[in-house]
Protein backbone atom coordinates (compact mmCIF):
# COMPACT_ATOMS: atom_id res chain seq x y z
CA MET A 1 -22.38 0.78 13.35
CA SER A 2 -19.61 -1.43 11.97
CA LEU A 3 -17.01 0.24 9.95
CA ILE A 4 -16.80 -3.12 7.73
CA ASP A 5 -19.91 -4.60 6.08
CA PRO A 6 -20.19 -7.79 8.17
CA GLN A 7 -20.85 -9.90 5.02
CA SER A 8 -17.34 -8.62 3.67
CA VAL A 9 -15.21 -10.41 6.65
CA PRO A 10 -16.05 -13.95 5.40
CA ARG A 11 -15.54 -12.87 1.91
CA LEU A 12 -11.97 -11.41 2.74
CA ALA A 13 -11.14 -14.78 4.34
CA GLN A 14 -11.68 -16.52 1.03
CA HIS A 15 -9.12 -14.28 -0.62
CA TYR A 16 -6.66 -13.44 2.09
CA PRO A 17 -3.63 -13.40 1.79
CA ARG A 18 -3.14 -14.40 -1.79
CA ALA A 19 -5.65 -12.98 -3.92
CA PRO A 20 -7.24 -9.51 -4.32
CA GLY A 21 -10.79 -9.16 -3.04
CA LEU A 22 -13.56 -6.70 -3.01
CA LEU A 23 -15.13 -5.44 0.42
CA ARG A 24 -17.88 -2.94 1.44
CA HIS A 25 -17.30 -0.42 4.25
CA ASN A 26 -19.11 2.47 5.98
CA LEU A 27 -16.23 5.10 6.00
CA ALA A 28 -17.61 7.23 3.16
CA ALA A 29 -19.37 9.66 6.01
CA GLU A 30 -16.49 9.30 8.53
CA PRO A 31 -15.61 12.88 9.65
CA LEU A 32 -11.80 12.20 9.88
CA LEU A 33 -11.91 11.50 6.16
CA GLY A 34 -13.66 14.56 5.10
CA LEU A 35 -11.48 17.25 3.48
CA PRO A 36 -11.61 19.51 6.35
CA ALA A 37 -10.22 17.14 8.84
CA LEU A 38 -7.69 15.92 6.12
CA ALA A 39 -6.55 19.49 5.68
CA GLU A 40 -5.85 19.61 9.48
CA ALA A 41 -4.26 16.29 9.29
CA ALA A 42 -1.86 17.48 6.58
CA ARG A 43 -0.82 20.40 8.64
CA ALA A 44 -0.35 18.30 11.73
CA LEU A 45 1.94 15.83 9.96
CA PRO A 46 5.66 16.40 9.31
CA ARG A 47 5.87 18.50 5.97
CA GLU A 48 7.94 15.93 4.30
CA GLN A 49 5.29 13.28 4.88
CA VAL A 50 2.85 15.25 2.76
CA GLU A 51 3.49 14.77 -0.81
CA ARG A 52 2.27 16.53 -4.02
CA ARG A 53 3.11 14.86 -7.34
CA MET A 54 2.35 14.87 -10.92
CA HIS A 55 -1.17 13.58 -11.61
CA ASP A 56 -0.71 12.62 -15.15
CA ALA A 57 2.57 10.71 -15.19
CA GLY A 58 2.92 7.88 -17.54
CA ASN A 59 5.68 6.25 -15.59
CA GLY A 60 7.58 6.03 -12.61
CA GLU A 61 10.21 8.56 -13.62
CA ALA A 62 7.40 11.23 -14.45
CA PHE A 63 5.73 10.63 -11.16
CA ARG A 64 7.64 13.31 -9.65
CA MET A 65 7.22 15.92 -6.90
CA ILE A 66 5.65 19.38 -7.52
CA GLU A 67 7.41 22.15 -5.77
CA ALA A 68 4.84 24.93 -4.64
CA ASP A 69 4.77 27.89 -2.52
CA THR A 70 1.56 26.99 -0.84
CA HIS A 71 1.12 23.94 1.56
CA PRO A 72 -1.04 21.09 0.01
CA ALA A 73 -3.27 21.45 2.90
CA ASP A 74 -4.61 24.62 1.49
CA ALA A 75 -5.71 22.82 -1.67
CA ILE A 76 -7.39 20.14 0.40
CA ALA A 77 -9.16 22.56 2.48
CA ALA A 78 -10.44 24.41 -0.54
CA GLY A 79 -11.51 21.13 -2.18
CA CYS A 80 -9.99 22.16 -5.43
CA VAL A 81 -7.26 19.26 -5.93
CA ASN A 82 -7.53 19.61 -9.87
CA ASP A 83 -4.00 19.12 -11.00
CA ALA A 84 -2.05 17.03 -8.46
CA TRP A 85 -1.78 13.76 -6.56
CA ILE A 86 -1.53 14.46 -2.75
CA MET A 87 -0.61 11.72 -0.29
CA LEU A 88 -0.77 11.98 3.56
CA ARG A 89 2.10 9.58 4.64
CA TYR A 90 1.96 7.62 7.77
CA ILE A 91 -1.15 9.27 9.11
CA GLU A 92 -1.50 6.82 11.88
CA GLN A 93 1.00 9.06 13.79
CA LEU A 94 -2.09 11.17 14.64
CA PRO A 95 -3.97 9.35 17.55
CA ALA A 96 -7.38 9.78 16.08
CA TYR A 97 -6.54 8.10 12.92
CA ARG A 98 -4.62 5.34 14.68
CA ALA A 99 -7.55 4.47 16.78
CA LEU A 100 -9.65 4.33 13.47
CA PHE A 101 -7.21 2.02 11.90
CA GLU A 102 -7.09 -0.32 14.92
CA ARG A 103 -10.95 -0.56 14.94
CA LEU A 104 -10.84 -1.51 11.24
CA LEU A 105 -8.47 -4.12 11.63
CA ALA A 106 -10.16 -5.47 14.70
CA GLU A 107 -13.28 -6.02 12.62
CA LEU A 108 -11.29 -7.85 10.11
CA ALA A 109 -9.34 -10.00 12.51
CA PRO A 110 -11.45 -13.11 12.12
CA ALA A 111 -10.27 -13.10 8.31
CA ILE A 112 -6.68 -11.94 8.81
CA GLY A 113 -5.55 -13.66 12.10
CA PRO A 114 -5.95 -17.48 11.10
CA ALA A 115 -4.10 -16.94 7.85
CA THR A 116 -1.06 -14.74 8.88
CA GLY A 117 -1.44 -14.24 12.57
CA PRO A 118 -1.46 -10.90 14.50
CA VAL A 119 -1.00 -7.72 12.38
CA CYS A 120 2.00 -5.23 13.18
CA ASP A 121 3.48 -2.24 11.66
CA ILE A 122 0.16 -0.67 10.97
CA LYS A 123 0.40 2.33 8.59
CA GLY A 124 -2.05 4.71 7.03
CA PHE A 125 -1.77 6.57 3.77
CA VAL A 126 -4.56 8.97 2.11
CA PHE A 127 -4.60 9.69 -1.35
CA ILE A 128 -6.26 12.86 -2.77
CA SER A 129 -6.18 12.78 -6.42
CA ALA A 130 -7.16 15.14 -9.24
CA PRO A 131 -9.60 13.90 -11.85
CA GLY A 132 -8.00 11.58 -14.35
CA THR A 133 -5.05 10.78 -12.06
CA HIS A 134 -2.77 7.97 -13.24
CA THR A 135 -0.62 6.37 -10.46
CA PRO A 136 2.10 4.43 -12.49
CA PHE A 137 2.94 0.66 -12.29
CA HIS A 138 4.35 -0.15 -8.75
CA PHE A 139 4.32 -2.41 -5.80
CA ASP A 140 4.01 -2.21 -2.04
CA ALA A 141 5.77 -4.44 0.28
CA GLU A 142 2.94 -4.82 2.75
CA TYR A 143 -0.73 -6.13 2.96
CA ASN A 144 -2.95 -3.44 1.97
CA ILE A 145 -6.77 -2.57 1.97
CA LEU A 146 -7.73 0.49 0.00
CA PHE A 147 -11.05 2.23 0.99
CA GLN A 148 -12.62 4.41 -1.50
CA ILE A 149 -14.05 7.47 0.18
CA ALA A 150 -15.06 9.85 -2.50
CA GLY A 151 -15.03 9.68 -6.32
CA ASP A 152 -14.07 6.57 -8.28
CA LYS A 153 -11.15 4.78 -9.51
CA VAL A 154 -10.00 1.74 -11.50
CA PHE A 155 -7.35 -0.32 -9.54
CA ALA A 156 -5.63 -3.02 -11.60
CA THR A 157 -3.69 -5.76 -9.98
CA TYR A 158 -1.11 -8.30 -11.28
CA PRO A 159 0.37 -11.37 -9.58
CA PRO A 160 3.51 -10.78 -7.41
CA ALA A 161 5.62 -12.81 -9.83
CA PRO A 162 7.76 -12.49 -13.15
CA PRO A 163 7.58 -10.87 -15.46
CA TYR A 164 5.68 -8.15 -13.35
CA ILE A 165 7.95 -8.13 -10.53
CA ASP A 166 11.31 -10.00 -10.14
CA LEU A 167 13.69 -10.72 -7.37
CA ALA A 168 16.08 -8.08 -8.30
CA ARG A 169 13.23 -5.38 -7.82
CA ARG A 170 12.11 -6.77 -4.50
CA GLU A 171 15.55 -6.68 -3.19
CA ALA A 172 15.99 -3.18 -4.49
CA TYR A 173 13.01 -1.99 -2.41
CA HIS A 174 14.36 -3.42 0.79
CA VAL A 175 17.68 -1.71 0.23
CA ALA A 176 16.68 1.78 -1.22
CA GLY A 177 12.89 1.85 -1.00
CA GLU A 178 12.42 2.04 -4.53
CA ASN A 179 8.97 0.47 -5.54
CA MET A 180 8.29 1.61 -9.18
CA LEU A 181 8.04 -1.10 -11.78
CA SER A 182 8.80 -1.04 -15.60
CA TRP A 183 5.70 -1.23 -17.63
CA SER A 184 5.15 -3.12 -20.89
CA PRO A 185 2.17 -2.85 -23.20
CA ASP A 186 2.03 -6.66 -23.11
CA TYR A 187 0.87 -6.53 -19.62
CA ALA A 188 -2.36 -4.37 -20.22
CA ALA A 189 -4.48 -7.51 -20.80
CA ALA A 190 -3.15 -9.58 -17.93
CA GLY A 191 -4.39 -7.35 -14.95
CA THR A 192 -7.49 -7.59 -13.27
CA GLU A 193 -9.39 -4.28 -13.12
CA HIS A 194 -11.29 -3.45 -10.03
CA ARG A 195 -13.71 -0.38 -10.36
CA LEU A 196 -14.18 1.22 -6.98
CA ALA A 197 -16.74 3.71 -5.93
CA PRO A 198 -17.38 5.21 -2.35
CA GLY A 199 -18.19 2.25 -0.08
CA ASP A 200 -16.01 -0.06 -1.97
CA ALA A 201 -12.74 -1.29 -0.66
CA LEU A 202 -9.93 -3.68 -2.27
CA PHE A 203 -7.68 -5.93 -0.51
CA VAL A 204 -4.27 -6.01 -2.28
CA PRO A 205 -1.86 -8.95 -1.69
CA TYR A 206 1.62 -8.45 -0.40
CA CYS A 207 3.88 -7.09 -3.15
CA ALA A 208 1.21 -7.37 -5.86
CA PRO A 209 2.06 -4.85 -8.70
CA HIS A 210 -0.72 -2.35 -9.60
CA TRP A 211 -1.59 0.70 -11.34
CA VAL A 212 -4.52 3.23 -10.34
CA HIS A 213 -6.55 5.61 -12.59
CA ALA A 214 -8.91 8.11 -11.03
CA GLY A 215 -12.30 8.77 -12.68
CA ASP A 216 -13.89 12.25 -13.85
CA ALA A 217 -14.11 13.52 -10.29
CA MET A 218 -11.60 14.26 -7.36
CA SER A 219 -10.84 10.84 -5.61
CA VAL A 220 -10.26 10.43 -1.98
CA SER A 221 -8.79 7.05 -0.85
CA LEU A 222 -7.35 5.67 2.34
CA SER A 223 -4.94 2.78 2.35
CA VAL A 224 -4.35 0.82 5.62
CA THR A 225 -1.41 -1.55 5.58
CA TRP A 226 0.20 -3.94 7.82
CA GLN A 227 2.84 -6.71 8.33
CA CYS A 228 2.90 -10.14 9.78
CA ARG A 229 5.69 -12.14 11.34
CA ARG A 230 6.18 -13.95 8.02
CA SER A 231 6.21 -10.68 5.98
CA ARG A 232 8.85 -9.36 8.13
CA ALA A 233 10.95 -12.38 7.93
CA VAL A 234 10.81 -12.18 4.00
CA ALA A 235 11.91 -8.61 4.11
CA ASP A 236 14.99 -9.59 6.35
CA ALA A 237 15.88 -12.33 3.90
CA LEU A 238 15.59 -10.25 0.97
CA TRP A 239 17.80 -7.46 2.54
CA LEU A 240 20.40 -10.36 3.35
CA ASN A 241 20.55 -11.78 -0.29
CA PRO A 242 23.36 -9.77 -1.32
CA VAL A 243 25.43 -10.86 1.63
CA MET A 244 24.49 -14.56 0.96
CA ARG A 245 25.79 -14.25 -2.75
CA ARG A 246 28.93 -12.72 -1.62
CA VAL A 247 29.75 -15.73 0.58
CA GLY A 248 28.57 -18.14 -2.30
CA LEU A 249 25.13 -19.13 -0.77
CA PRO A 250 21.89 -19.17 -2.81
CA ALA A 251 19.70 -16.12 -2.41
CA TYR A 252 16.13 -16.49 -1.05
CA ASP A 253 13.52 -15.79 -3.78
CA PRO A 254 9.91 -15.69 -2.44
CA ALA A 255 8.39 -16.51 -5.72
CA ALA A 256 10.05 -20.02 -5.60
CA HIS A 257 8.49 -20.82 -2.13
CA SER A 258 5.11 -21.47 -1.01
CA ALA A 259 3.20 -19.11 1.36
CA ALA A 260 3.73 -21.59 4.04
CA HIS A 261 7.51 -21.48 3.81
CA ALA A 262 9.26 -18.62 5.58
CA PRO A 263 12.92 -17.86 5.74
CA TRP A 264 12.98 -17.84 9.65
CA LEU A 265 16.67 -18.96 9.76
CA ARG A 266 17.90 -16.05 7.33
CA ALA A 267 15.73 -13.61 9.05
CA ALA A 268 17.24 -14.44 12.39
CA ALA A 269 20.70 -14.37 10.87
CA ARG A 270 20.06 -10.72 9.73
CA ARG A 271 18.85 -9.63 13.06
CA VAL A 272 21.75 -11.07 14.91
CA GLY A 273 24.28 -9.85 12.59
CA GLN A 274 22.86 -6.21 13.04
CA ARG A 275 22.86 -6.58 16.66
CA ILE A 276 26.57 -7.59 16.89
CA GLY A 277 27.50 -5.01 13.95
CA LEU A 278 28.36 -7.46 11.18
CA LEU A 279 25.67 -6.13 8.93
């Protein structure tokens, strides 16, 4: 059986890579995404890549780690994640999950490949969220499909442009990895809210700001993310921007260029500079 509803592939092609779009999948009964397997995965991953955070944070500052004597895998195995947000980061390190993600992206290749070329840097994240969990406003510098496995949630997306995200925030991410964004009540009506139940999936465009709110039951979601040649060039150019300013040259701003325009020269300059030790 296909992992993706075949009708969702041409539907994704209509949205990808610029606009969010809903898909359907057949992963809700996948054993690797059940709580027993996820508890095993949590123990197999490096401990620092299994995060437990506040589930009711109103902003990025409050979305802090929770220190506990027990391993998060214990709560996952018991099925009682009632007061935390747990993330398994980089789960593609485990061979069975890597194979699953490669199957998923192979089925979606007819929609992805013609627009952005072959996928690279595939990563996987599993989110196990207590009822009512609020994930604050933030962005991810990657292409992302979130697959809802259990429970339900509202996932609100915003355009990857000012006022929701600006050049300074994008540069800060590529320097320090910080992806939280400032929230304004004025933004509330501007987002597009996607209601996800098991079997639903959502494509989230590169760097699209978003917030997430889980429903009344524990939620399990899988995010499969990837890069392409252009997105890697954009990341290199953003990293190089402070250097360009210091020598009096203009910074690269993705919001000022079309998706067809990529900063190949700047990306190459960064790579050469790193190779010879200048950057």
